[in-house]
């Protein structure tokens, strides 16, 4: 296992329900501001936004929500492995975390989540 795989495993590790609630609150407060800043640096932003809607959907299985909440919480944190304010590089680590999370749960992102993402990004 590479160091990157170990780090991704730590970030996406299951959390208890209290931690998931804290993550969800943090995501709800910061997601759209971060998404606007990252739009030009994250090539699959529509998928990230669909993941956001999936994570907030009460019908999404708990394990899937946990993975998405962990990845999205990492995304909205301004100071992570590579600070987001570093122009051109800041979202590189976020992209890796989001890619791993979305790959792991992609079958749980529904057409409704994708439609909501498309509509949100058109606004």
Protein backbone atom coordinates (compact mmCIF):
# COMPACT_ATOMS: atom_id res chain seq x y z
CA UNK A 1 0.00 0.00 0.00
CA UNK A 2 1.33 3.42 -0.92
CA UNK A 3 1.34 6.39 1.41
CA UNK A 4 -1.42 8.00 -0.68
CA UNK A 5 -3.63 4.92 -0.28
CA UNK A 6 -3.07 4.94 3.47
CA UNK A 7 -3.95 8.65 3.67
CA UNK A 8 -7.10 8.14 1.56
CA UNK A 9 -8.11 5.26 3.83
CA UNK A 10 -7.73 7.50 6.88
CA UNK A 11 -9.75 10.31 5.34
CA UNK A 12 -12.57 8.06 4.13
CA UNK A 13 -12.66 5.82 7.21
CA UNK A 14 -16.08 5.24 8.77
CA UNK A 15 -17.08 7.67 11.51
CA UNK A 16 -19.69 7.53 14.21
CA UNK A 17 -23.05 9.24 13.74
CA UNK A 18 -22.05 12.28 15.84
CA UNK A 19 -19.01 12.90 13.62
CA UNK A 20 -21.13 12.45 10.48
CA UNK A 21 -23.56 15.06 11.83
CA UNK A 22 -20.68 17.49 12.44
CA UNK A 23 -19.40 16.84 8.92
CA UNK A 24 -22.84 17.38 7.43
CA UNK A 25 -23.21 20.71 9.26
CA UNK A 26 -19.77 21.83 8.06
CA UNK A 27 -20.58 20.77 4.49
CA UNK A 28 -23.95 22.54 4.45
CA UNK A 29 -22.26 25.74 5.66
CA UNK A 30 -19.29 25.72 3.28
CA UNK A 31 -20.00 23.54 0.25
CA UNK A 32 -21.26 26.09 -2.27
CA UNK A 33 -18.59 28.67 -1.48
CA UNK A 34 -15.88 26.02 -1.92
CA UNK A 35 -17.51 24.60 -5.05
CA UNK A 36 -17.52 28.04 -6.70
CA UNK A 37 -13.80 28.49 -5.91
CA UNK A 38 -12.94 24.99 -7.14
CA UNK A 39 -15.09 24.99 -10.28
CA UNK A 40 -12.20 25.64 -12.67
CA UNK A 41 -9.85 23.20 -10.95
CA UNK A 42 -12.10 20.16 -10.44
CA UNK A 43 -12.89 18.69 -13.87
CA UNK A 44 -15.84 16.62 -12.63
CA UNK A 45 -17.66 19.25 -10.58
CA UNK A 46 -21.09 18.05 -11.70
CA UNK A 47 -20.29 14.63 -10.21
CA UNK A 48 -19.07 16.28 -6.98
CA UNK A 49 -22.33 18.23 -6.71
CA UNK A 50 -24.32 15.05 -7.41
CA UNK A 51 -22.31 13.44 -4.59
CA UNK A 52 -23.28 16.37 -2.36
CA UNK A 53 -26.97 15.76 -3.03
CA UNK A 54 -26.47 12.02 -2.52
CA UNK A 55 -24.75 12.62 0.84
CA UNK A 56 -27.64 14.78 2.05
CA UNK A 57 -30.30 12.31 0.87
CA UNK A 58 -31.79 10.39 3.82
CA UNK A 59 -32.46 7.45 1.47
CA UNK A 60 -28.75 6.99 0.81
CA UNK A 61 -27.29 4.04 2.79
CA UNK A 62 -25.38 5.09 5.91
CA UNK A 63 -22.02 3.70 4.79
CA UNK A 64 -22.27 5.57 1.47
CA UNK A 65 -23.31 8.79 3.23
CA UNK A 66 -20.34 8.39 5.57
CA UNK A 67 -17.85 8.05 2.71
CA UNK A 68 -19.31 11.06 0.92
CA UNK A 69 -19.51 13.17 4.07
CA UNK A 70 -15.86 12.42 4.81
CA UNK A 71 -14.74 13.33 1.28
CA UNK A 72 -16.89 16.46 1.14
CA UNK A 73 -15.75 17.57 4.60
CA UNK A 74 -12.14 17.27 3.39
CA UNK A 75 -13.10 19.26 0.28
CA UNK A 76 -14.58 22.17 2.26
CA UNK A 77 -11.66 22.42 4.70
CA UNK A 78 -9.47 25.32 3.51
CA UNK A 79 -6.30 23.94 5.10
CA UNK A 80 -5.67 20.32 4.25
CA UNK A 81 -2.69 18.46 2.83
CA UNK A 82 -2.33 21.07 0.07
CA UNK A 83 -4.00 24.34 1.17
CA UNK A 84 -6.83 25.27 -1.21
CA UNK A 85 -5.65 28.86 -1.61
CA UNK A 86 -2.54 27.76 -3.57
CA UNK A 87 -3.55 28.74 -7.08
CA UNK A 88 -3.30 25.84 -9.51
CA UNK A 89 -2.41 23.25 -6.86
CA UNK A 90 -4.77 23.83 -3.97
CA UNK A 91 -7.47 21.38 -4.96
CA UNK A 92 -5.14 18.61 -6.17
CA UNK A 93 -5.47 16.55 -3.00
CA UNK A 94 -9.20 17.27 -2.83
CA UNK A 95 -9.59 15.87 -6.36
CA UNK A 96 -7.84 12.65 -5.30
CA UNK A 97 -10.09 12.22 -2.26
CA UNK A 98 -13.26 13.05 -4.20
CA UNK A 99 -12.28 10.71 -7.05
CA UNK A 100 -11.75 7.81 -4.64
CA UNK A 101 -15.01 8.47 -2.81
CA UNK A 102 -17.12 8.85 -5.93
CA UNK A 103 -15.56 5.75 -7.50
CA UNK A 104 -16.45 3.77 -4.38
CA UNK A 105 -20.10 4.86 -4.24
CA UNK A 106 -21.00 5.92 -7.80
CA UNK A 107 -23.82 3.40 -8.18
CA UNK A 108 -25.65 5.15 -5.32
CA UNK A 109 -25.75 8.51 -7.10
CA UNK A 110 -29.23 8.48 -8.59
CA UNK A 111 -30.61 10.23 -11.65
CA UNK A 112 -32.41 12.61 -9.23
CA UNK A 113 -29.07 13.56 -7.64
CA UNK A 114 -27.59 14.19 -11.09
CA UNK A 115 -30.56 16.32 -12.17
CA UNK A 116 -30.30 18.38 -8.97
CA UNK A 117 -26.59 18.86 -9.63
CA UNK A 118 -27.14 19.96 -13.20
CA UNK A 119 -29.84 22.43 -12.12
CA UNK A 120 -27.71 23.80 -9.27
CA UNK A 121 -24.75 24.37 -11.56
CA UNK A 122 -26.89 26.18 -14.12
CA UNK A 123 -27.84 28.81 -11.52
